[in-house]
Amino acid sequence: MTQELELESVLRDLTGEMTHVYRWLAESAGINHTDLMCLFFVRSADGTATPKAVSQHLGLTSGATAIMLNRLEAAGFIVRGPHPTDRRGVLLSLGTEVRESGLLQLREKFIDLNQAVYAAFSEEELAVVRRFMRALLVNTRDSLRRMRMEHAAKSAETAKVG
């Protein structure tokens, strides 16, 4: 097996395990996986998340996003507030249910759980791993964006023909 195939296999396995962790976390909170990914996105946006940005990030239609946000708001997981520059727009923030439950503290838990793994590598080695993972992340995002655009163009062309 080439190094690239071995790396791809390990990354796929790690991604699969992380998906299991996120699904378990969502189930334990009584929400679904997409809801949890929405909450992580809202947290990372630090007060600037809009419904449209959530929709684009998760790849959902505006209707599906509205249903999800209504559900999360009713459960106290998110709060909709006024947008400072768009009178009709809203900004999303985390609700008290999320903040009080510690639902999104997964990062801290994993740092603690993986401390022995981190300690087995030098700072220089960890820096290379971080650089590698960031490069993969950027490439994956760019590739997905390109594939979506190509698919949309093909779909539009098919619709014209049909």
N, C-alpha and C. Protein backbone atom coordinates (compact mmCIF):
# COMPACT_ATOMS: atom_id res chain seq x y z
N MET A 1 0.86 -1.19 0.00
CA MET A 1 0.00 0.00 0.00
C MET A 1 0.90 1.24 0.00
N THR A 2 0.62 2.15 -0.87
CA THR A 2 1.44 3.36 -0.93
C THR A 2 1.16 4.22 0.30
N GLN A 3 2.07 5.15 0.55
CA GLN A 3 1.89 6.05 1.69
C GLN A 3 0.60 6.84 1.58
N GLU A 4 0.29 7.30 0.37
CA GLU A 4 -0.93 8.09 0.18
C GLU A 4 -2.17 7.27 0.50
N LEU A 5 -2.20 6.01 0.03
CA LEU A 5 -3.35 5.15 0.31
C LEU A 5 -3.46 4.84 1.80
N GLU A 6 -2.32 4.61 2.43
CA GLU A 6 -2.33 4.33 3.87
C GLU A 6 -2.82 5.55 4.65
N LEU A 7 -2.33 6.73 4.28
CA LEU A 7 -2.80 7.97 4.93
C LEU A 7 -4.29 8.16 4.72
N GLU A 8 -4.76 7.95 3.50
CA GLU A 8 -6.18 8.11 3.20
C GLU A 8 -7.00 7.15 4.03
N SER A 9 -6.51 5.94 4.20
CA SER A 9 -7.22 4.93 4.98
C SER A 9 -7.30 5.33 6.46
N VAL A 10 -6.19 5.81 7.00
CA VAL A 10 -6.18 6.24 8.40
C VAL A 10 -7.09 7.45 8.60
N LEU A 11 -7.03 8.41 7.68
CA LEU A 11 -7.89 9.59 7.79
C LEU A 11 -9.36 9.21 7.68
N ARG A 12 -9.68 8.29 6.79
CA ARG A 12 -11.07 7.82 6.66
C ARG A 12 -11.52 7.15 7.96
N ASP A 13 -10.66 6.32 8.53
CA ASP A 13 -11.01 5.66 9.80
C ASP A 13 -11.20 6.68 10.92
N LEU A 14 -10.30 7.66 11.00
CA LEU A 14 -10.42 8.70 12.03
C LEU A 14 -11.70 9.50 11.83
N THR A 15 -11.98 9.87 10.60
CA THR A 15 -13.21 10.61 10.31
C THR A 15 -14.43 9.80 10.69
N GLY A 16 -14.41 8.51 10.40
CA GLY A 16 -15.52 7.64 10.78
C GLY A 16 -15.71 7.59 12.28
N GLU A 17 -14.62 7.46 13.02
CA GLU A 17 -14.72 7.43 14.48
C GLU A 17 -15.22 8.75 15.03
N MET A 18 -14.74 9.86 14.47
CA MET A 18 -15.22 11.17 14.91
C MET A 18 -16.71 11.33 14.62
N THR A 19 -17.16 10.80 13.50
CA THR A 19 -18.60 10.84 13.18
C THR A 19 -19.38 10.07 14.23
N HIS A 20 -18.86 8.92 14.65
CA HIS A 20 -19.54 8.15 15.72
C HIS A 20 -19.60 8.97 17.01
N VAL A 21 -18.52 9.66 17.34
CA VAL A 21 -18.50 10.48 18.55
C VAL A 21 -19.54 11.59 18.45
N TYR A 22 -19.57 12.28 17.31
CA TYR A 22 -20.54 13.37 17.14
C TYR A 22 -21.98 12.86 17.18
N ARG A 23 -22.22 11.71 16.56
CA ARG A 23 -23.57 11.14 16.60
C ARG A 23 -23.96 10.78 18.03
N TRP A 24 -23.02 10.20 18.78
CA TRP A 24 -23.32 9.86 20.17
C TRP A 24 -23.61 11.12 20.98
N LEU A 25 -22.80 12.15 20.77
CA LEU A 25 -22.99 13.40 21.49
C LEU A 25 -24.36 14.00 21.17
N ALA A 26 -24.72 13.99 19.89
CA ALA A 26 -26.03 14.52 19.49
C ALA A 26 -27.16 13.70 20.12
N GLU A 27 -27.05 12.38 20.04
CA GLU A 27 -28.09 11.52 20.62
C GLU A 27 -28.21 11.75 22.12
N SER A 28 -27.09 11.91 22.80
CA SER A 28 -27.13 12.11 24.25
C SER A 28 -27.80 13.43 24.61
N ALA A 29 -27.80 14.40 23.68
CA ALA A 29 -28.45 15.69 23.91
C ALA A 29 -29.88 15.72 23.37
N GLY A 30 -30.30 14.62 22.73
CA GLY A 30 -31.65 14.56 22.18
C GLY A 30 -31.83 15.32 20.88
N ILE A 31 -30.73 15.51 20.15
CA ILE A 31 -30.81 16.20 18.86
C ILE A 31 -30.18 15.30 17.80
N ASN A 32 -30.26 15.71 16.55
CA ASN A 32 -29.63 14.90 15.50
C ASN A 32 -28.25 15.48 15.13
N HIS A 33 -27.54 14.73 14.31
CA HIS A 33 -26.18 15.08 13.93
C HIS A 33 -26.11 16.45 13.24
N THR A 34 -27.04 16.72 12.35
CA THR A 34 -27.05 18.01 11.64
C THR A 34 -27.28 19.16 12.61
N ASP A 35 -28.18 18.96 13.58
CA ASP A 35 -28.40 19.98 14.60
C ASP A 35 -27.10 20.29 15.34
N LEU A 36 -26.37 19.24 15.70
CA LEU A 36 -25.11 19.43 16.42
C LEU A 36 -24.10 20.19 15.57
N MET A 37 -24.00 19.84 14.28
CA MET A 37 -23.07 20.55 13.40
C MET A 37 -23.48 22.02 13.27
N CYS A 38 -24.77 22.29 13.30
CA CYS A 38 -25.25 23.67 13.29
C CYS A 38 -24.77 24.41 14.53
N LEU A 39 -24.89 23.77 15.69
CA LEU A 39 -24.46 24.40 16.94
C LEU A 39 -22.96 24.68 16.93
N PHE A 40 -22.17 23.74 16.44
CA PHE A 40 -20.73 23.97 16.34
C PHE A 40 -20.44 25.15 15.41
N PHE A 41 -21.17 25.24 14.30
CA PHE A 41 -20.97 26.35 13.36
C PHE A 41 -21.33 27.68 14.01
N VAL A 42 -22.47 27.72 14.69
CA VAL A 42 -22.90 28.97 15.34
C VAL A 42 -21.85 29.39 16.37
N ARG A 43 -21.34 28.44 17.13
CA ARG A 43 -20.30 28.77 18.12
C ARG A 43 -19.05 29.32 17.43
N SER A 44 -18.62 28.68 16.36
CA SER A 44 -17.38 29.11 15.70
C SER A 44 -17.54 30.46 15.01
N ALA A 45 -18.77 30.82 14.64
CA ALA A 45 -19.01 32.11 13.98
C ALA A 45 -18.97 33.26 14.98
N ASP A 46 -19.02 32.94 16.26
CA ASP A 46 -18.86 33.93 17.32
C ASP A 46 -19.77 35.15 17.16
N GLY A 47 -21.07 34.88 17.03
CA GLY A 47 -22.04 35.96 16.98
C GLY A 47 -22.34 36.51 15.61
N THR A 48 -21.72 35.94 14.57
CA THR A 48 -21.94 36.45 13.22
C THR A 48 -22.71 35.48 12.33
N ALA A 49 -23.16 34.36 12.87
CA ALA A 49 -23.86 33.35 12.05
C ALA A 49 -25.24 33.84 11.66
N THR A 50 -25.56 33.67 10.40
CA THR A 50 -26.89 33.98 9.89
C THR A 50 -27.53 32.67 9.41
N PRO A 51 -28.84 32.65 9.29
CA PRO A 51 -29.47 31.44 8.75
C PRO A 51 -28.91 31.06 7.37
N LYS A 52 -28.65 32.03 6.53
CA LYS A 52 -28.10 31.75 5.20
C LYS A 52 -26.72 31.09 5.30
N ALA A 53 -25.88 31.60 6.20
CA ALA A 53 -24.54 31.02 6.38
C ALA A 53 -24.64 29.59 6.89
N VAL A 54 -25.57 29.34 7.82
CA VAL A 54 -25.79 27.98 8.32
C VAL A 54 -26.21 27.07 7.18
N SER A 55 -27.15 27.55 6.37
CA SER A 55 -27.65 26.78 5.24
C SER A 55 -26.52 26.41 4.28
N GLN A 56 -25.68 27.37 3.96
CA GLN A 56 -24.56 27.12 3.05
C GLN A 56 -23.55 26.17 3.66
N HIS A 57 -23.24 26.37 4.93
CA HIS A 57 -22.25 25.53 5.60
C HIS A 57 -22.70 24.08 5.67
N LEU A 58 -23.96 23.86 5.98
CA LEU A 58 -24.48 22.50 6.14
C LEU A 58 -24.98 21.89 4.84
N GLY A 59 -25.10 22.70 3.78
CA GLY A 59 -25.60 22.19 2.52
C GLY A 59 -27.09 21.89 2.55
N LEU A 60 -27.83 22.69 3.30
CA LEU A 60 -29.28 22.50 3.43
C LEU A 60 -30.02 23.56 2.63
N THR A 61 -31.26 23.25 2.27
CA THR A 61 -32.11 24.25 1.64
C THR A 61 -32.51 25.27 2.70
N SER A 62 -32.99 26.42 2.26
CA SER A 62 -33.43 27.43 3.22
C SER A 62 -34.62 26.92 4.04
N GLY A 63 -35.49 26.13 3.42
CA GLY A 63 -36.63 25.58 4.15
C GLY A 63 -36.20 24.60 5.24
N ALA A 64 -35.27 23.70 4.90
CA ALA A 64 -34.78 22.74 5.88
C ALA A 64 -34.04 23.46 7.01
N THR A 65 -33.31 24.50 6.66
CA THR A 65 -32.60 25.28 7.68
C THR A 65 -33.59 25.96 8.61
N ALA A 66 -34.65 26.53 8.07
CA ALA A 66 -35.65 27.20 8.91
C ALA A 66 -36.30 26.22 9.88
N ILE A 67 -36.62 25.03 9.41
CA ILE A 67 -37.22 24.02 10.28
C ILE A 67 -36.25 23.64 11.40
N MET A 68 -34.98 23.43 11.03
CA MET A 68 -33.97 23.06 12.02
C MET A 68 -33.80 24.18 13.05
N LEU A 69 -33.69 25.43 12.59
CA LEU A 69 -33.50 26.55 13.51
C LEU A 69 -34.71 26.73 14.42
N ASN A 70 -35.90 26.54 13.90
CA ASN A 70 -37.11 26.61 14.75
C ASN A 70 -37.05 25.56 15.86
N ARG A 71 -36.64 24.35 15.49
CA ARG A 71 -36.54 23.25 16.46
C ARG A 71 -35.48 23.57 17.53
N LEU A 72 -34.32 24.05 17.09
CA LEU A 72 -33.25 24.35 18.04
C LEU A 72 -33.61 25.54 18.93
N GLU A 73 -34.31 26.51 18.38
CA GLU A 73 -34.73 27.66 19.18
C GLU A 73 -35.76 27.24 20.22
N ALA A 74 -36.71 26.40 19.83
CA ALA A 74 -37.75 25.94 20.77
C ALA A 74 -37.14 25.15 21.92
N ALA A 75 -36.03 24.45 21.65
CA ALA A 75 -35.37 23.66 22.68
C ALA A 75 -34.40 24.48 23.52
N GLY A 76 -34.21 25.76 23.18
CA GLY A 76 -33.31 26.62 23.93
C GLY A 76 -31.86 26.50 23.54
N PHE A 77 -31.59 25.85 22.39
CA PHE A 77 -30.21 25.66 21.95
C PHE A 77 -29.66 26.87 21.21
N ILE A 78 -30.51 27.61 20.53
CA ILE A 78 -30.07 28.83 19.85
C ILE A 78 -31.02 29.97 20.16
N VAL A 79 -30.52 31.17 19.92
CA VAL A 79 -31.31 32.39 20.09
C VAL A 79 -31.15 33.19 18.80
N ARG A 80 -32.25 33.72 18.32
CA ARG A 80 -32.20 34.62 17.15
C ARG A 80 -32.25 36.05 17.66
N GLY A 81 -31.31 36.84 17.21
CA GLY A 81 -31.27 38.25 17.60
C GLY A 81 -31.26 39.13 16.37
N PRO A 82 -31.50 40.42 16.56
CA PRO A 82 -31.53 41.33 15.41
C PRO A 82 -30.14 41.50 14.79
N HIS A 83 -30.12 41.61 13.49
CA HIS A 83 -28.88 41.88 12.76
C HIS A 83 -28.59 43.38 12.87
N PRO A 84 -27.38 43.77 13.19
CA PRO A 84 -27.10 45.20 13.42
C PRO A 84 -27.19 46.09 12.18
N THR A 85 -27.04 45.52 10.99
CA THR A 85 -27.07 46.35 9.78
C THR A 85 -28.18 45.99 8.80
N ASP A 86 -28.87 44.89 9.04
CA ASP A 86 -29.95 44.44 8.15
C ASP A 86 -31.23 44.33 8.97
N ARG A 87 -32.14 45.25 8.77
CA ARG A 87 -33.36 45.29 9.60
C ARG A 87 -34.15 43.99 9.55
N ARG A 88 -34.12 43.31 8.41
CA ARG A 88 -34.89 42.07 8.29
C ARG A 88 -34.07 40.84 8.67
N GLY A 89 -32.77 40.99 8.80
CA GLY A 89 -31.90 39.86 9.07
C GLY A 89 -31.81 39.52 10.55
N VAL A 90 -31.33 38.32 10.82
CA VAL A 90 -31.11 37.88 12.20
C VAL A 90 -29.71 37.29 12.33
N LEU A 91 -29.19 37.37 13.53
CA LEU A 91 -27.94 36.71 13.88
C LEU A 91 -28.26 35.61 14.88
N LEU A 92 -27.54 34.52 14.79
CA LEU A 92 -27.77 33.38 15.66
C LEU A 92 -26.69 33.32 16.73
N SER A 93 -27.10 32.97 17.93
CA SER A 93 -26.14 32.75 19.01
C SER A 93 -26.59 31.52 19.78
N LEU A 94 -25.70 31.00 20.59
CA LEU A 94 -26.03 29.81 21.38
C LEU A 94 -26.98 30.18 22.51
N GLY A 95 -27.94 29.31 22.75
CA GLY A 95 -28.90 29.52 23.82
C GLY A 95 -28.40 29.02 25.15
N THR A 96 -29.15 29.31 26.19
CA THR A 96 -28.74 28.93 27.55
C THR A 96 -28.64 27.42 27.71
N GLU A 97 -29.48 26.67 27.02
CA GLU A 97 -29.45 25.21 27.13
C GLU A 97 -28.08 24.65 26.73
N VAL A 98 -27.49 25.21 25.70
CA VAL A 98 -26.17 24.76 25.25
C VAL A 98 -25.10 25.19 26.23
N ARG A 99 -25.15 26.45 26.63
CA ARG A 99 -24.11 26.97 27.53
C ARG A 99 -24.14 26.27 28.88
N GLU A 100 -25.32 26.02 29.42
CA GLU A 100 -25.42 25.40 30.75
C GLU A 100 -25.11 23.91 30.73
N SER A 101 -25.40 23.24 29.62
CA SER A 101 -25.20 21.79 29.56
C SER A 101 -23.77 21.39 29.26
N GLY A 102 -22.98 22.31 28.73
CA GLY A 102 -21.61 21.96 28.35
C GLY A 102 -21.57 21.08 27.12
N LEU A 103 -22.64 21.07 26.35
CA LEU A 103 -22.77 20.21 25.18
C LEU A 103 -21.61 20.34 24.21
N LEU A 104 -21.13 21.53 24.01
CA LEU A 104 -20.10 21.75 23.00
C LEU A 104 -18.68 21.75 23.56
N GLN A 105 -18.49 21.20 24.72
CA GLN A 105 -17.16 21.16 25.34
C GLN A 105 -16.36 19.95 24.88
N LEU A 106 -16.74 19.38 23.76
CA LEU A 106 -16.08 18.18 23.24
C LEU A 106 -14.60 18.41 22.99
N ARG A 107 -14.25 19.57 22.49
CA ARG A 107 -12.85 19.86 22.18
C ARG A 107 -11.98 19.69 23.43
N GLU A 108 -12.43 20.27 24.53
CA GLU A 108 -11.67 20.17 25.78
C GLU A 108 -11.57 18.72 26.25
N LYS A 109 -12.67 17.97 26.11
CA LYS A 109 -12.65 16.56 26.51
C LYS A 109 -11.64 15.78 25.69
N PHE A 110 -11.60 16.02 24.37
CA PHE A 110 -10.67 15.29 23.53
C PHE A 110 -9.23 15.68 23.79
N ILE A 111 -8.98 16.93 24.10
CA ILE A 111 -7.62 17.33 24.44
C ILE A 111 -7.16 16.57 25.67
N ASP A 112 -8.03 16.49 26.67
CA ASP A 112 -7.68 15.74 27.88
C ASP A 112 -7.48 14.26 27.58
N LEU A 113 -8.41 13.67 26.83
CA LEU A 113 -8.33 12.24 26.53
C LEU A 113 -7.11 11.88 25.69
N ASN A 114 -6.68 12.79 24.84
CA ASN A 114 -5.57 12.51 23.93
C ASN A 114 -4.24 13.09 24.40
N GLN A 115 -4.18 13.55 25.63
CA GLN A 115 -2.96 14.18 26.13
C GLN A 115 -1.74 13.27 26.00
N ALA A 116 -1.90 11.99 26.27
CA ALA A 116 -0.77 11.06 26.15
C ALA A 116 -0.30 10.94 24.70
N VAL A 117 -1.23 10.99 23.77
CA VAL A 117 -0.87 10.92 22.35
C VAL A 117 -0.08 12.16 21.96
N TYR A 118 -0.57 13.35 22.35
CA TYR A 118 0.14 14.59 22.04
C TYR A 118 1.55 14.58 22.65
N ALA A 119 1.65 14.08 23.87
CA ALA A 119 2.93 14.09 24.58
C ALA A 119 3.97 13.18 23.92
N ALA A 120 3.52 12.23 23.11
CA ALA A 120 4.44 11.30 22.45
C ALA A 120 5.14 11.93 21.25
N PHE A 121 4.74 13.15 20.87
CA PHE A 121 5.31 13.82 19.71
C PHE A 121 5.96 15.14 20.13
N SER A 122 7.01 15.50 19.42
CA SER A 122 7.68 16.77 19.70
C SER A 122 6.82 17.92 19.15
N GLU A 123 7.13 19.13 19.58
CA GLU A 123 6.43 20.31 19.06
C GLU A 123 6.62 20.42 17.55
N GLU A 124 7.83 20.10 17.08
CA GLU A 124 8.10 20.18 15.65
C GLU A 124 7.25 19.18 14.88
N GLU A 125 7.12 17.96 15.41
CA GLU A 125 6.29 16.95 14.75
C GLU A 125 4.82 17.37 14.73
N LEU A 126 4.35 17.89 15.84
CA LEU A 126 2.96 18.34 15.90
C LEU A 126 2.72 19.50 14.94
N ALA A 127 3.72 20.37 14.78
CA ALA A 127 3.58 21.48 13.83
C ALA A 127 3.43 20.96 12.41
N VAL A 128 4.17 19.92 12.06
CA VAL A 128 4.05 19.32 10.72
C VAL A 128 2.66 18.70 10.55
N VAL A 129 2.19 18.01 11.57
CA VAL A 129 0.85 17.41 11.51
C VAL A 129 -0.21 18.49 11.32
N ARG A 130 -0.10 19.58 12.08
CA ARG A 130 -1.08 20.68 11.95
C ARG A 130 -1.05 21.27 10.54
N ARG A 131 0.16 21.50 10.03
CA ARG A 131 0.29 22.07 8.69
C ARG A 131 -0.31 21.12 7.64
N PHE A 132 -0.05 19.84 7.78
CA PHE A 132 -0.59 18.83 6.87
C PHE A 132 -2.12 18.79 6.94
N MET A 133 -2.67 18.78 8.15
CA MET A 133 -4.12 18.71 8.31
C MET A 133 -4.79 19.97 7.77
N ARG A 134 -4.20 21.13 8.01
CA ARG A 134 -4.77 22.38 7.46
C ARG A 134 -4.76 22.37 5.94
N ALA A 135 -3.67 21.89 5.35
CA ALA A 135 -3.58 21.83 3.89
C ALA A 135 -4.64 20.87 3.33
N LEU A 136 -4.84 19.73 3.99
CA LEU A 136 -5.89 18.80 3.57
C LEU A 136 -7.27 19.44 3.69
N LEU A 137 -7.48 20.16 4.77
CA LEU A 137 -8.77 20.81 4.99
C LEU A 137 -9.06 21.82 3.89
N VAL A 138 -8.10 22.67 3.59
CA VAL A 138 -8.28 23.68 2.54
C VAL A 138 -8.53 22.99 1.20
N ASN A 139 -7.74 21.98 0.89
CA ASN A 139 -7.90 21.27 -0.38
C ASN A 139 -9.26 20.58 -0.46
N THR A 140 -9.69 19.98 0.63
CA THR A 140 -10.99 19.29 0.64
C THR A 140 -12.12 20.29 0.44
N ARG A 141 -12.07 21.42 1.14
CA ARG A 141 -13.11 22.44 0.97
C ARG A 141 -13.15 22.95 -0.47
N ASP A 142 -11.98 23.25 -1.02
CA ASP A 142 -11.92 23.75 -2.39
C ASP A 142 -12.42 22.70 -3.38
N SER A 143 -12.03 21.45 -3.18
CA SER A 143 -12.46 20.38 -4.07
C SER A 143 -13.97 20.18 -4.01
N LEU A 144 -14.53 20.21 -2.81
CA LEU A 144 -15.97 20.05 -2.66
C LEU A 144 -16.70 21.21 -3.33
N ARG A 145 -16.21 22.41 -3.15
CA ARG A 145 -16.82 23.59 -3.79
C ARG A 145 -16.82 23.43 -5.31
N ARG A 146 -15.67 23.00 -5.86
CA ARG A 146 -15.57 22.78 -7.31
C ARG A 146 -16.52 21.69 -7.78
N MET A 147 -16.58 20.57 -7.04
CA MET A 147 -17.46 19.47 -7.43
C MET A 147 -18.92 19.90 -7.40
N ARG A 148 -19.30 20.68 -6.39
CA ARG A 148 -20.68 21.17 -6.31
C ARG A 148 -21.00 22.08 -7.49
N MET A 149 -20.06 22.95 -7.83
CA MET A 149 -20.29 23.86 -8.96
C MET A 149 -20.40 23.08 -10.27
N GLU A 150 -19.53 22.09 -10.46
CA GLU A 150 -19.60 21.26 -11.67
C GLU A 150 -20.91 20.50 -11.73
N HIS A 151 -21.34 19.97 -10.60
CA HIS A 151 -22.61 19.23 -10.55
C HIS A 151 -23.78 20.16 -10.86
N ALA A 152 -23.76 21.35 -10.30
CA ALA A 152 -24.83 22.32 -10.55
C ALA A 152 -24.87 22.70 -12.03
N ALA A 153 -23.69 22.88 -12.63
CA ALA A 153 -23.63 23.24 -14.05
C ALA A 153 -24.18 22.10 -14.91
N LYS A 154 -23.82 20.85 -14.58
CA LYS A 154 -24.34 19.70 -15.32
C LYS A 154 -25.84 19.57 -15.14
N SER A 155 -26.32 19.79 -13.93
CA SER A 155 -27.76 19.72 -13.67
C SER A 155 -28.51 20.78 -14.45
N ALA A 156 -27.95 21.98 -14.49
CA ALA A 156 -28.58 23.07 -15.24
C ALA A 156 -28.60 22.75 -16.73
N GLU A 157 -27.53 22.18 -17.23
CA GLU A 157 -27.45 21.81 -18.64
C GLU A 157 -28.46 20.70 -18.96
N THR A 158 -28.58 19.73 -18.07
CA THR A 158 -29.55 18.65 -18.26
C THR A 158 -30.97 19.20 -18.25
N ALA A 159 -31.23 20.15 -17.38
CA ALA A 159 -32.57 20.75 -17.30
C ALA A 159 -32.91 21.50 -18.58
N LYS A 160 -31.91 22.14 -19.20
CA LYS A 160 -32.14 22.87 -20.46
C LYS A 160 -32.49 21.90 -21.58
N VAL A 161 -31.78 20.77 -21.61
CA VAL A 161 -31.99 19.78 -22.66
C VAL A 161 -33.34 19.10 -22.48
N GLY A 162 -33.70 18.79 -21.23
CA GLY A 162 -34.93 18.04 -20.94
C GLY A 162 -36.11 18.89 -20.96
